Amino acid sequence: MAVNASIVTRDVEKLVEPTGNIYESISIIGKRARQISTNVKEELNSKLAEFASTVDNLEEIFENREQIEISRFYERMPKPSTVATEEFLEGKVFFRKPDEEDDNNTEL
């Protein structure tokens, strides 16, 4: 997915459309952004863990360069909130309202 990493002005009406409430939309986007952030952090940590070494040697200089390149790649990625907003506007985020589901599933 190609996401613009720079600041973009958003149309509030488009954010409100899926939920009917701007606060609910922002809450959903925030939750999705946290999921994305957690996934990216775990991925970065696992890649950097490959370089973990207790031995100091000349190869460590080369490994540090690779670590720096990996870190720079992740720094250049769009922010999780930007990705989450794009996903939300494209309809790629699944959300549900538990209160409404409980009302619909109540037996008399």
PDB file of N, CA and C in Angstrom:
ATOM      1  N   MET A   1       0.845  -1.161   0.000  1.00  0.00           N
ATOM      2  CA  MET A   1       0.000   0.000   0.000  1.00  0.00           C
ATOM      3  C   MET A   1       0.898   1.234   0.000  1.00  0.00           C
ATOM      4  N   ALA A   2       0.638   2.149  -0.907  1.00  0.00           N
ATOM      5  CA  ALA A   2       1.398   3.381  -0.977  1.00  0.00           C
ATOM      6  C   ALA A   2       0.653   4.456  -0.197  1.00  0.00           C
ATOM      7  N   VAL A   3       1.252   4.872   0.902  1.00  0.00           N
ATOM      8  CA  VAL A   3       0.637   5.884   1.746  1.00  0.00           C
ATOM      9  C   VAL A   3       1.525   7.105   1.739  1.00  0.00           C
ATOM     10  N   ASN A   4       0.921   8.259   1.560  1.00  0.00           N
ATOM     11  CA  ASN A   4       1.656   9.512   1.571  1.00  0.00           C
ATOM     12  C   ASN A   4       2.172   9.777   2.981  1.00  0.00           C
ATOM     13  N   ALA A   5       3.487   9.954   3.127  1.00  0.00           N
ATOM     14  CA  ALA A   5       4.084  10.133   4.445  1.00  0.00           C
ATOM     15  C   ALA A   5       3.962  11.563   4.951  1.00  0.00           C
ATOM     16  N   SER A   6       3.600  12.500   4.080  1.00  0.00           N
ATOM     17  CA  SER A   6       3.487  13.885   4.516  1.00  0.00           C
ATOM     18  C   SER A   6       2.097  14.176   5.065  1.00  0.00           C
ATOM     19  N   ILE A   7       1.946  15.358   5.609  1.00  0.00           N
ATOM     20  CA  ILE A   7       0.670  15.753   6.217  1.00  0.00           C
ATOM     21  C   ILE A   7      -0.366  15.985   5.129  1.00  0.00           C
ATOM     22  N   VAL A   8      -1.563  15.449   5.342  1.00  0.00           N
ATOM     23  CA  VAL A   8      -2.656  15.568   4.382  1.00  0.00           C
ATOM     24  C   VAL A   8      -3.875  16.110   5.110  1.00  0.00           C
ATOM     25  N   THR A   9      -4.554  17.057   4.476  1.00  0.00           N
ATOM     26  CA  THR A   9      -5.797  17.571   5.041  1.00  0.00           C
ATOM     27  C   THR A   9      -6.903  16.562   4.774  1.00  0.00           C
ATOM     28  N   ARG A  10      -7.675  16.238   5.800  1.00  0.00           N
ATOM     29  CA  ARG A  10      -8.733  15.238   5.682  1.00  0.00           C
ATOM     30  C   ARG A  10     -10.105  15.905   5.700  1.00  0.00           C
ATOM     31  N   ASP A  11     -11.016  15.362   4.939  1.00  0.00           N
ATOM     32  CA  ASP A  11     -12.391  15.815   4.932  1.00  0.00           C
ATOM     33  C   ASP A  11     -13.114  15.127   6.086  1.00  0.00           C
ATOM     34  N   VAL A  12     -13.574  15.913   7.038  1.00  0.00           N
ATOM     35  CA  VAL A  12     -14.222  15.365   8.231  1.00  0.00           C
ATOM     36  C   VAL A  12     -15.462  14.563   7.851  1.00  0.00           C
ATOM     37  N   GLU A  13     -16.181  14.996   6.840  1.00  0.00           N
ATOM     38  CA  GLU A  13     -17.404  14.291   6.427  1.00  0.00           C
ATOM     39  C   GLU A  13     -17.085  12.859   5.980  1.00  0.00           C
ATOM     40  N   LYS A  14     -15.933  12.655   5.326  1.00  0.00           N
ATOM     41  CA  LYS A  14     -15.553  11.304   4.892  1.00  0.00           C
ATOM     42  C   LYS A  14     -15.203  10.422   6.089  1.00  0.00           C
ATOM     43  N   LEU A  15     -14.653  11.042   7.130  1.00  0.00           N
ATOM     44  CA  LEU A  15     -14.336  10.286   8.341  1.00  0.00           C
ATOM     45  C   LEU A  15     -15.605   9.897   9.093  1.00  0.00           C
ATOM     46  N   VAL A  16     -16.625  10.742   9.019  1.00  0.00           N
ATOM     47  CA  VAL A  16     -17.875  10.498   9.738  1.00  0.00           C
ATOM     48  C   VAL A  16     -18.731   9.452   9.037  1.00  0.00           C
ATOM     49  N   GLU A  17     -18.646   9.355   7.710  1.00  0.00           N
ATOM     50  CA  GLU A  17     -19.525   8.475   6.922  1.00  0.00           C
ATOM     51  C   GLU A  17     -19.673   7.053   7.470  1.00  0.00           C
ATOM     52  N   PRO A  18     -18.578   6.313   7.697  1.00  0.00           N
ATOM     53  CA  PRO A  18     -18.745   4.909   8.104  1.00  0.00           C
ATOM     54  C   PRO A  18     -19.442   4.704   9.441  1.00  0.00           C
ATOM     55  N   THR A  19     -19.285   5.641  10.374  1.00  0.00           N
ATOM     56  CA  THR A  19     -19.833   5.440  11.717  1.00  0.00           C
ATOM     57  C   THR A  19     -20.976   6.381  12.062  1.00  0.00           C
ATOM     58  N   GLY A  20     -21.011   7.538  11.421  1.00  0.00           N
ATOM     59  CA  GLY A  20     -22.006   8.540  11.768  1.00  0.00           C
ATOM     60  C   GLY A  20     -21.585   9.410  12.936  1.00  0.00           C
ATOM     61  N   ASN A  21     -20.375   9.185  13.465  1.00  0.00           N
ATOM     62  CA  ASN A  21     -19.898   9.929  14.633  1.00  0.00           C
ATOM     63  C   ASN A  21     -18.396  10.121  14.500  1.00  0.00           C
ATOM     64  N   ILE A  22     -17.939  11.367  14.489  1.00  0.00           N
ATOM     65  CA  ILE A  22     -16.511  11.650  14.310  1.00  0.00           C
ATOM     66  C   ILE A  22     -15.677  11.057  15.433  1.00  0.00           C
ATOM     67  N   TYR A  23     -16.187  11.091  16.655  1.00  0.00           N
ATOM     68  CA  TYR A  23     -15.427  10.574  17.798  1.00  0.00           C
ATOM     69  C   TYR A  23     -15.265   9.057  17.706  1.00  0.00           C
ATOM     70  N   GLU A  24     -16.294   8.391  17.262  1.00  0.00           N
ATOM     71  CA  GLU A  24     -16.223   6.946  17.089  1.00  0.00           C
ATOM     72  C   GLU A  24     -15.224   6.595  15.979  1.00  0.00           C
ATOM     73  N   SER A  25     -15.253   7.363  14.896  1.00  0.00           N
ATOM     74  CA  SER A  25     -14.316   7.136  13.795  1.00  0.00           C
ATOM     75  C   SER A  25     -12.876   7.315  14.262  1.00  0.00           C
ATOM     76  N   ILE A  26     -12.614   8.384  15.005  1.00  0.00           N
ATOM     77  CA  ILE A  26     -11.266   8.659  15.503  1.00  0.00           C
ATOM     78  C   ILE A  26     -10.829   7.559  16.472  1.00  0.00           C
ATOM     79  N   SER A  27     -11.750   7.076  17.289  1.00  0.00           N
ATOM     80  CA  SER A  27     -11.437   5.994  18.220  1.00  0.00           C
ATOM     81  C   SER A  27     -11.037   4.726  17.463  1.00  0.00           C
ATOM     82  N   ILE A  28     -11.766   4.399  16.420  1.00  0.00           N
ATOM     83  CA  ILE A  28     -11.465   3.212  15.616  1.00  0.00           C
ATOM     84  C   ILE A  28     -10.110   3.369  14.940  1.00  0.00           C
ATOM     85  N   ILE A  29      -9.857   4.543  14.378  1.00  0.00           N
ATOM     86  CA  ILE A  29      -8.571   4.801  13.730  1.00  0.00           C
ATOM     87  C   ILE A  29      -7.436   4.687  14.744  1.00  0.00           C
ATOM     88  N   GLY A  30      -7.646   5.216  15.944  1.00  0.00           N
ATOM     89  CA  GLY A  30      -6.622   5.141  16.989  1.00  0.00           C
ATOM     90  C   GLY A  30      -6.312   3.714  17.400  1.00  0.00           C
ATOM     91  N   LYS A  31      -7.358   2.891  17.531  1.00  0.00           N
ATOM     92  CA  LYS A  31      -7.146   1.486  17.890  1.00  0.00           C
ATOM     93  C   LYS A  31      -6.386   0.755  16.795  1.00  0.00           C
ATOM     94  N   ARG A  32      -6.737   1.027  15.544  1.00  0.00           N
ATOM     95  CA  ARG A  32      -6.032   0.388  14.426  1.00  0.00           C
ATOM     96  C   ARG A  32      -4.587   0.859  14.362  1.00  0.00           C
ATOM     97  N   ALA A  33      -4.350   2.143  14.634  1.00  0.00           N
ATOM     98  CA  ALA A  33      -2.982   2.677  14.632  1.00  0.00           C
ATOM     99  C   ALA A  33      -2.130   1.990  15.696  1.00  0.00           C
ATOM    100  N   ARG A  34      -2.713   1.722  16.862  1.00  0.00           N
ATOM    101  CA  ARG A  34      -1.970   1.004  17.914  1.00  0.00           C
ATOM    102  C   ARG A  34      -1.627  -0.414  17.472  1.00  0.00           C
ATOM    103  N   GLN A  35      -2.575  -1.082  16.776  1.00  0.00           N
ATOM    104  CA  GLN A  35      -2.293  -2.423  16.258  1.00  0.00           C
ATOM    105  C   GLN A  35      -1.133  -2.383  15.276  1.00  0.00           C
ATOM    106  N   ILE A  36      -1.160  -1.444  14.365  1.00  0.00           N
ATOM    107  CA  ILE A  36      -0.101  -1.313  13.360  1.00  0.00           C
ATOM    108  C   ILE A  36       1.226  -1.024  14.040  1.00  0.00           C
ATOM    109  N   SER A  37       1.216  -0.097  14.993  1.00  0.00           N
ATOM    110  CA  SER A  37       2.437   0.276  15.710  1.00  0.00           C
ATOM    111  C   SER A  37       3.045  -0.921  16.432  1.00  0.00           C
ATOM    112  N   THR A  38       2.211  -1.710  17.080  1.00  0.00           N
ATOM    113  CA  THR A  38       2.683  -2.891  17.800  1.00  0.00           C
ATOM    114  C   THR A  38       3.305  -3.902  16.834  1.00  0.00           C
ATOM    115  N   ASN A  39       2.642  -4.124  15.706  1.00  0.00           N
ATOM    116  CA  ASN A  39       3.155  -5.071  14.712  1.00  0.00           C
ATOM    117  C   ASN A  39       4.496  -4.613  14.148  1.00  0.00           C
ATOM    118  N   VAL A  40       4.608  -3.331  13.830  1.00  0.00           N
ATOM    119  CA  VAL A  40       5.851  -2.793  13.272  1.00  0.00           C
ATOM    120  C   VAL A  40       6.969  -2.878  14.307  1.00  0.00           C
ATOM    121  N   LYS A  41       6.645  -2.566  15.563  1.00  0.00           N
ATOM    122  CA  LYS A  41       7.650  -2.619  16.622  1.00  0.00           C
ATOM    123  C   LYS A  41       8.158  -4.045  16.824  1.00  0.00           C
ATOM    124  N   GLU A  42       7.252  -5.021  16.826  1.00  0.00           N
ATOM    125  CA  GLU A  42       7.660  -6.420  16.973  1.00  0.00           C
ATOM    126  C   GLU A  42       8.534  -6.863  15.801  1.00  0.00           C
ATOM    127  N   GLU A  43       8.152  -6.447  14.598  1.00  0.00           N
ATOM    128  CA  GLU A  43       8.924  -6.800  13.409  1.00  0.00           C
ATOM    129  C   GLU A  43      10.331  -6.195  13.471  1.00  0.00           C
ATOM    130  N   LEU A  44      10.419  -4.922  13.844  1.00  0.00           N
ATOM    131  CA  LEU A  44      11.716  -4.256  13.957  1.00  0.00           C
ATOM    132  C   LEU A  44      12.572  -4.922  15.022  1.00  0.00           C
ATOM    133  N   ASN A  45      11.993  -5.197  16.179  1.00  0.00           N
ATOM    134  CA  ASN A  45      12.754  -5.827  17.256  1.00  0.00           C
ATOM    135  C   ASN A  45      13.266  -7.209  16.856  1.00  0.00           C
ATOM    136  N   SER A  46      12.458  -7.964  16.113  1.00  0.00           N
ATOM    137  CA  SER A  46      12.904  -9.297  15.697  1.00  0.00           C
ATOM    138  C   SER A  46      14.056  -9.190  14.694  1.00  0.00           C
ATOM    139  N   LYS A  47      13.994  -8.194  13.808  1.00  0.00           N
ATOM    140  CA  LYS A  47      15.094  -8.015  12.852  1.00  0.00           C
ATOM    141  C   LYS A  47      16.362  -7.557  13.554  1.00  0.00           C
ATOM    142  N   LEU A  48      16.225  -6.666  14.522  1.00  0.00           N
ATOM    143  CA  LEU A  48      17.404  -6.184  15.249  1.00  0.00           C
ATOM    144  C   LEU A  48      17.951  -7.252  16.188  1.00  0.00           C
ATOM    145  N   ALA A  49      17.106  -8.174  16.651  1.00  0.00           N
ATOM    146  CA  ALA A  49      17.566  -9.246  17.536  1.00  0.00           C
ATOM    147  C   ALA A  49      18.521 -10.188  16.815  1.00  0.00           C
ATOM    148  N   GLU A  50      18.398 -10.262  15.496  1.00  0.00           N
ATOM    149  CA  GLU A  50      19.305 -11.103  14.719  1.00  0.00           C
ATOM    150  C   GLU A  50      20.748 -10.629  14.851  1.00  0.00           C
ATOM    151  N   PHE A  51      20.931  -9.345  15.168  1.00  0.00           N
ATOM    152  CA  PHE A  51      22.274  -8.786  15.266  1.00  0.00           C
ATOM    153  C   PHE A  51      22.817  -8.819  16.682  1.00  0.00           C
ATOM    154  N   ALA A  52      21.999  -9.251  17.637  1.00  0.00           N
ATOM    155  CA  ALA A  52      22.429  -9.278  19.033  1.00  0.00           C
ATOM    156  C   ALA A  52      23.616 -10.220  19.189  1.00  0.00           C
ATOM    157  N   SER A  53      24.668  -9.689  19.779  1.00  0.00           N
ATOM    158  CA  SER A  53      25.884 -10.477  19.944  1.00  0.00           C
ATOM    159  C   SER A  53      26.572 -10.066  21.236  1.00  0.00           C
ATOM    160  N   THR A  54      27.123 -11.038  21.914  1.00  0.00           N
ATOM    161  CA  THR A  54      27.850 -10.738  23.153  1.00  0.00           C
ATOM    162  C   THR A  54      29.348 -10.665  22.901  1.00  0.00           C
ATOM    163  N   VAL A  55      29.768 -10.977  21.679  1.00  0.00           N
ATOM    164  CA  VAL A  55      31.195 -10.988  21.350  1.00  0.00           C
ATOM    165  C   VAL A  55      31.538  -9.708  20.598  1.00  0.00           C
ATOM    166  N   ASP A  56      32.584  -9.024  21.038  1.00  0.00           N
ATOM    167  CA  ASP A  56      33.055  -7.822  20.341  1.00  0.00           C
ATOM    168  C   ASP A  56      34.110  -8.243  19.323  1.00  0.00           C
ATOM    169  N   ASN A  57      33.870  -7.926  18.066  1.00  0.00           N
ATOM    170  CA  ASN A  57      34.852  -8.245  17.033  1.00  0.00           C
ATOM    171  C   ASN A  57      34.720  -7.261  15.878  1.00  0.00           C
ATOM    172  N   LEU A  58      35.505  -7.447  14.840  1.00  0.00           N
ATOM    173  CA  LEU A  58      35.493  -6.531  13.696  1.00  0.00           C
ATOM    174  C   LEU A  58      34.204  -6.618  12.898  1.00  0.00           C
ATOM    175  N   GLU A  59      33.546  -7.769  12.938  1.00  0.00           N
ATOM    176  CA  GLU A  59      32.291  -7.915  12.200  1.00  0.00           C
ATOM    177  C   GLU A  59      31.197  -7.027  12.777  1.00  0.00           C
ATOM    178  N   GLU A  60      31.366  -6.611  14.020  1.00  0.00           N
ATOM    179  CA  GLU A  60      30.349  -5.794  14.670  1.00  0.00           C
ATOM    180  C   GLU A  60      30.164  -4.458  13.953  1.00  0.00           C
ATOM    181  N   ILE A  61      31.216  -3.913  13.392  1.00  0.00           N
ATOM    182  CA  ILE A  61      31.118  -2.646  12.655  1.00  0.00           C
ATOM    183  C   ILE A  61      30.196  -2.818  11.464  1.00  0.00           C
ATOM    184  N   PHE A  62      30.353  -3.921  10.725  1.00  0.00           N
ATOM    185  CA  PHE A  62      29.496  -4.182   9.572  1.00  0.00           C
ATOM    186  C   PHE A  62      28.055  -4.400  10.019  1.00  0.00           C
ATOM    187  N   GLU A  63      27.870  -5.119  11.096  1.00  0.00           N
ATOM    188  CA  GLU A  63      26.530  -5.378  11.613  1.00  0.00           C
ATOM    189  C   GLU A  63      25.860  -4.084  12.040  1.00  0.00           C
ATOM    190  N   ASN A  64      26.630  -3.169  12.642  1.00  0.00           N
ATOM    191  CA  ASN A  64      26.059  -1.894  13.049  1.00  0.00           C
ATOM    192  C   ASN A  64      25.533  -1.127  11.843  1.00  0.00           C
ATOM    193  N   ARG A  65      26.233  -1.191  10.733  1.00  0.00           N
ATOM    194  CA  ARG A  65      25.759  -0.524   9.518  1.00  0.00           C
ATOM    195  C   ARG A  65      24.434  -1.122   9.065  1.00  0.00           C
ATOM    196  N   GLU A  66      24.326  -2.436   9.116  1.00  0.00           N
ATOM    197  CA  GLU A  66      23.076  -3.085   8.735  1.00  0.00           C
ATOM    198  C   GLU A  66      21.947  -2.700   9.692  1.00  0.00           C
ATOM    199  N   GLN A  67      22.259  -2.639  10.974  1.00  0.00           N
ATOM    200  CA  GLN A  67      21.261  -2.220  11.959  1.00  0.00           C
ATOM    201  C   GLN A  67      20.797  -0.794  11.678  1.00  0.00           C
ATOM    202  N   ILE A  68      21.725   0.074  11.347  1.00  0.00           N
ATOM    203  CA  ILE A  68      21.390   1.466  11.055  1.00  0.00           C
ATOM    204  C   ILE A  68      20.497   1.538   9.827  1.00  0.00           C
ATOM    205  N   GLU A  69      20.805   0.761   8.806  1.00  0.00           N
ATOM    206  CA  GLU A  69      19.982   0.761   7.591  1.00  0.00           C
ATOM    207  C   GLU A  69      18.561   0.254   7.880  1.00  0.00           C
ATOM    208  N   ILE A  70      18.456  -0.781   8.681  1.00  0.00           N
ATOM    209  CA  ILE A  70      17.134  -1.304   9.052  1.00  0.00           C
ATOM    210  C   ILE A  70      16.357  -0.242   9.831  1.00  0.00           C
ATOM    211  N   SER A  71      17.024   0.391  10.780  1.00  0.00           N
ATOM    212  CA  SER A  71      16.369   1.423  11.578  1.00  0.00           C
ATOM    213  C   SER A  71      15.927   2.597  10.707  1.00  0.00           C
ATOM    214  N   ARG A  72      16.762   3.000   9.770  1.00  0.00           N
ATOM    215  CA  ARG A  72      16.400   4.110   8.871  1.00  0.00           C
ATOM    216  C   ARG A  72      15.197   3.748   8.005  1.00  0.00           C
ATOM    217  N   PHE A  73      15.145   2.493   7.557  1.00  0.00           N
ATOM    218  CA  PHE A  73      14.000   2.059   6.756  1.00  0.00           C
ATOM    219  C   PHE A  73      12.706   2.239   7.545  1.00  0.00           C
ATOM    220  N   TYR A  74      12.715   1.815   8.807  1.00  0.00           N
ATOM    221  CA  TYR A  74      11.522   1.922   9.640  1.00  0.00           C
ATOM    222  C   TYR A  74      11.194   3.373   9.983  1.00  0.00           C
ATOM    223  N   GLU A  75      12.220   4.217  10.106  1.00  0.00           N
ATOM    224  CA  GLU A  75      11.978   5.631  10.381  1.00  0.00           C
ATOM    225  C   GLU A  75      11.312   6.326   9.202  1.00  0.00           C
ATOM    226  N   ARG A  76      11.596   5.881   7.985  1.00  0.00           N
ATOM    227  CA  ARG A  76      11.029   6.501   6.783  1.00  0.00           C
ATOM    228  C   ARG A  76       9.606   6.016   6.494  1.00  0.00           C
ATOM    229  N   MET A  77       9.172   4.981   7.156  1.00  0.00           N
ATOM    230  CA  MET A  77       7.821   4.464   6.934  1.00  0.00           C
ATOM    231  C   MET A  77       6.793   5.491   7.402  1.00  0.00           C
ATOM    232  N   PRO A  78       5.612   5.488   6.770  1.00  0.00           N
ATOM    233  CA  PRO A  78       4.557   6.395   7.240  1.00  0.00           C
ATOM    234  C   PRO A  78       4.137   6.042   8.659  1.00  0.00           C
ATOM    235  N   LYS A  79       3.686   7.037   9.379  1.00  0.00           N
ATOM    236  CA  LYS A  79       3.261   6.839  10.764  1.00  0.00           C
ATOM    237  C   LYS A  79       2.039   5.915  10.813  1.00  0.00           C
ATOM    238  N   PRO A  80       1.918   5.131  11.882  1.00  0.00           N
ATOM    239  CA  PRO A  80       0.779   4.217  12.006  1.00  0.00           C
ATOM    240  C   PRO A  80      -0.576   4.921  11.914  1.00  0.00           C
ATOM    241  N   SER A  81      -0.670   6.136  12.440  1.00  0.00           N
ATOM    242  CA  SER A  81      -1.944   6.857  12.374  1.00  0.00           C
ATOM    243  C   SER A  81      -2.311   7.203  10.935  1.00  0.00           C
ATOM    244  N   THR A  82      -1.310   7.501  10.109  1.00  0.00           N
ATOM    245  CA  THR A  82      -1.563   7.801   8.697  1.00  0.00           C
ATOM    246  C   THR A  82      -2.044   6.553   7.967  1.00  0.00           C
ATOM    247  N   VAL A  83      -1.385   5.435   8.218  1.00  0.00           N
ATOM    248  CA  VAL A  83      -1.774   4.173   7.585  1.00  0.00           C
ATOM    249  C   VAL A  83      -3.184   3.774   8.033  1.00  0.00           C
ATOM    250  N   ALA A  84      -3.457   3.905   9.333  1.00  0.00           N
ATOM    251  CA  ALA A  84      -4.770   3.539   9.868  1.00  0.00           C
ATOM    252  C   ALA A  84      -5.871   4.410   9.273  1.00  0.00           C
ATOM    253  N   THR A  85      -5.608   5.691   9.107  1.00  0.00           N
ATOM    254  CA  THR A  85      -6.601   6.592   8.518  1.00  0.00           C
ATOM    255  C   THR A  85      -6.888   6.208   7.078  1.00  0.00           C
ATOM    256  N   GLU A  86      -5.846   5.892   6.314  1.00  0.00           N
ATOM    257  CA  GLU A  86      -6.029   5.468   4.920  1.00  0.00           C
ATOM    258  C   GLU A  86      -6.846   4.180   4.847  1.00  0.00           C
ATOM    259  N   GLU A  87      -6.508   3.227   5.705  1.00  0.00           N
ATOM    260  CA  GLU A  87      -7.250   1.967   5.726  1.00  0.00           C
ATOM    261  C   GLU A  87      -8.716   2.207   6.074  1.00  0.00           C
ATOM    262  N   PHE A  88      -8.970   3.069   7.031  1.00  0.00           N
ATOM    263  CA  PHE A  88     -10.341   3.372   7.455  1.00  0.00           C
ATOM    264  C   PHE A  88     -11.132   3.999   6.307  1.00  0.00           C
ATOM    265  N   LEU A  89     -10.523   4.969   5.629  1.00  0.00           N
ATOM    266  CA  LEU A  89     -11.213   5.648   4.537  1.00  0.00           C
ATOM    267  C   LEU A  89     -11.438   4.730   3.338  1.00  0.00           C
ATOM    268  N   GLU A  90     -10.570   3.728   3.163  1.00  0.00           N
ATOM    269  CA  GLU A  90     -10.713   2.779   2.058  1.00  0.00           C
ATOM    270  C   GLU A  90     -11.641   1.618   2.422  1.00  0.00           C
ATOM    271  N   GLY A  91     -12.135   1.606   3.644  1.00  0.00           N
ATOM    272  CA  GLY A  91     -13.055   0.547   4.076  1.00  0.00           C
ATOM    273  C   GLY A  91     -12.362  -0.766   4.385  1.00  0.00           C
ATOM    274  N   LYS A  92     -11.089  -0.732   4.706  1.00  0.00           N
ATOM    275  CA  LYS A  92     -10.326  -1.943   4.983  1.00  0.00           C
ATOM    276  C   LYS A  92     -10.291  -2.288   6.472  1.00  0.00           C
ATOM    277  N   VAL A  93     -10.897  -1.450   7.312  1.00  0.00           N
ATOM    278  CA  VAL A  93     -10.896  -1.687   8.753  1.00  0.00           C
ATOM    279  C   VAL A  93     -12.259  -2.247   9.150  1.00  0.00           C
ATOM    280  N   PHE A  94     -12.242  -3.405   9.799  1.00  0.00           N
ATOM    281  CA  PHE A  94     -13.479  -4.021  10.275  1.00  0.00           C
ATOM    282  C   PHE A  94     -13.734  -3.540  11.694  1.00  0.00           C
ATOM    283  N   PHE A  95     -14.935  -3.078  11.939  1.00  0.00           N
ATOM    284  CA  PHE A  95     -15.327  -2.691  13.287  1.00  0.00           C
ATOM    285  C   PHE A  95     -16.785  -3.048  13.487  1.00  0.00           C
ATOM    286  N   ARG A  96     -17.153  -3.207  14.730  1.00  0.00           N
ATOM    287  CA  ARG A  96     -18.545  -3.525  15.038  1.00  0.00           C
ATOM    288  C   ARG A  96     -18.944  -2.783  16.295  1.00  0.00           C
ATOM    289  N   LYS A  97     -20.234  -2.688  16.497  1.00  0.00           N
ATOM    290  CA  LYS A  97     -20.767  -2.016  17.673  1.00  0.00           C
ATOM    291  C   LYS A  97     -21.407  -3.071  18.568  1.00  0.00           C
ATOM    292  N   PRO A  98     -20.727  -3.489  19.623  1.00  0.00           N
ATOM    293  CA  PRO A  98     -21.253  -4.554  20.490  1.00  0.00           C
ATOM    294  C   PRO A  98     -22.612  -4.228  21.097  1.00  0.00           C
ATOM    295  N   ASP A  99     -22.872  -2.970  21.420  1.00  0.00           N
ATOM    296  CA  ASP A  99     -24.156  -2.594  22.010  1.00  0.00           C
ATOM    297  C   ASP A  99     -25.310  -2.912  21.076  1.00  0.00           C
ATOM    298  N   GLU A 100     -25.149  -2.611  19.787  1.00  0.00           N
ATOM    299  CA  GLU A 100     -26.200  -2.880  18.804  1.00  0.00           C
ATOM    300  C   GLU A 100     -26.378  -4.370  18.578  1.00  0.00           C
ATOM    301  N   GLU A 101     -25.269  -5.124  18.601  1.00  0.00           N
ATOM    302  CA  GLU A 101     -25.350  -6.573  18.409  1.00  0.00           C
ATOM    303  C   GLU A 101     -26.115  -7.213  19.562  1.00  0.00           C
ATOM    304  N   ASP A 102     -25.894  -6.755  20.793  1.00  0.00           N
ATOM    305  CA  ASP A 102     -26.595  -7.302  21.957  1.00  0.00           C
ATOM    306  C   ASP A 102     -28.099  -7.042  21.844  1.00  0.00           C
ATOM    307  N   ASP A 103     -28.468  -5.855  21.365  1.00  0.00           N
ATOM    308  CA  ASP A 103     -29.877  -5.518  21.206  1.00  0.00           C
ATOM    309  C   ASP A 103     -30.534  -6.403  20.158  1.00  0.00           C
ATOM    310  N   ASN A 104     -29.815  -6.696  19.076  1.00  0.00           N
ATOM    311  CA  ASN A 104     -30.365  -7.497  17.992  1.00  0.00           C
ATOM    312  C   ASN A 104     -30.449  -8.979  18.343  1.00  0.00           C
ATOM    313  N   ASN A 105     -29.598  -9.433  19.243  1.00  0.00           N
ATOM    314  CA  ASN A 105     -29.544 -10.855  19.568  1.00  0.00           C
ATOM    315  C   ASN A 105     -30.332 -11.205  20.835  1.00  0.00           C
ATOM    316  N   THR A 106     -31.002 -10.256  21.421  1.00  0.00           N
ATOM    317  CA  THR A 106     -31.746 -10.499  22.658  1.00  0.00           C
ATOM    318  C   THR A 106     -33.030 -11.271  22.336  1.00  0.00           C
ATOM    319  N   GLU A 107     -33.233 -12.374  23.059  1.00  0.00           N
ATOM    320  CA  GLU A 107     -34.449 -13.157  22.871  1.00  0.00           C
ATOM    321  C   GLU A 107     -35.506 -12.691  23.861  1.00  0.00           C
ATOM    322  N   LEU A 108     -36.737 -12.696  23.440  1.00  0.00           N
ATOM    323  CA  LEU A 108     -37.833 -12.258  24.317  1.00  0.00           C
ATOM    324  C   LEU A 108     -38.492 -13.424  24.994  1.00  0.00           C
TER     325      LEU A 108
END
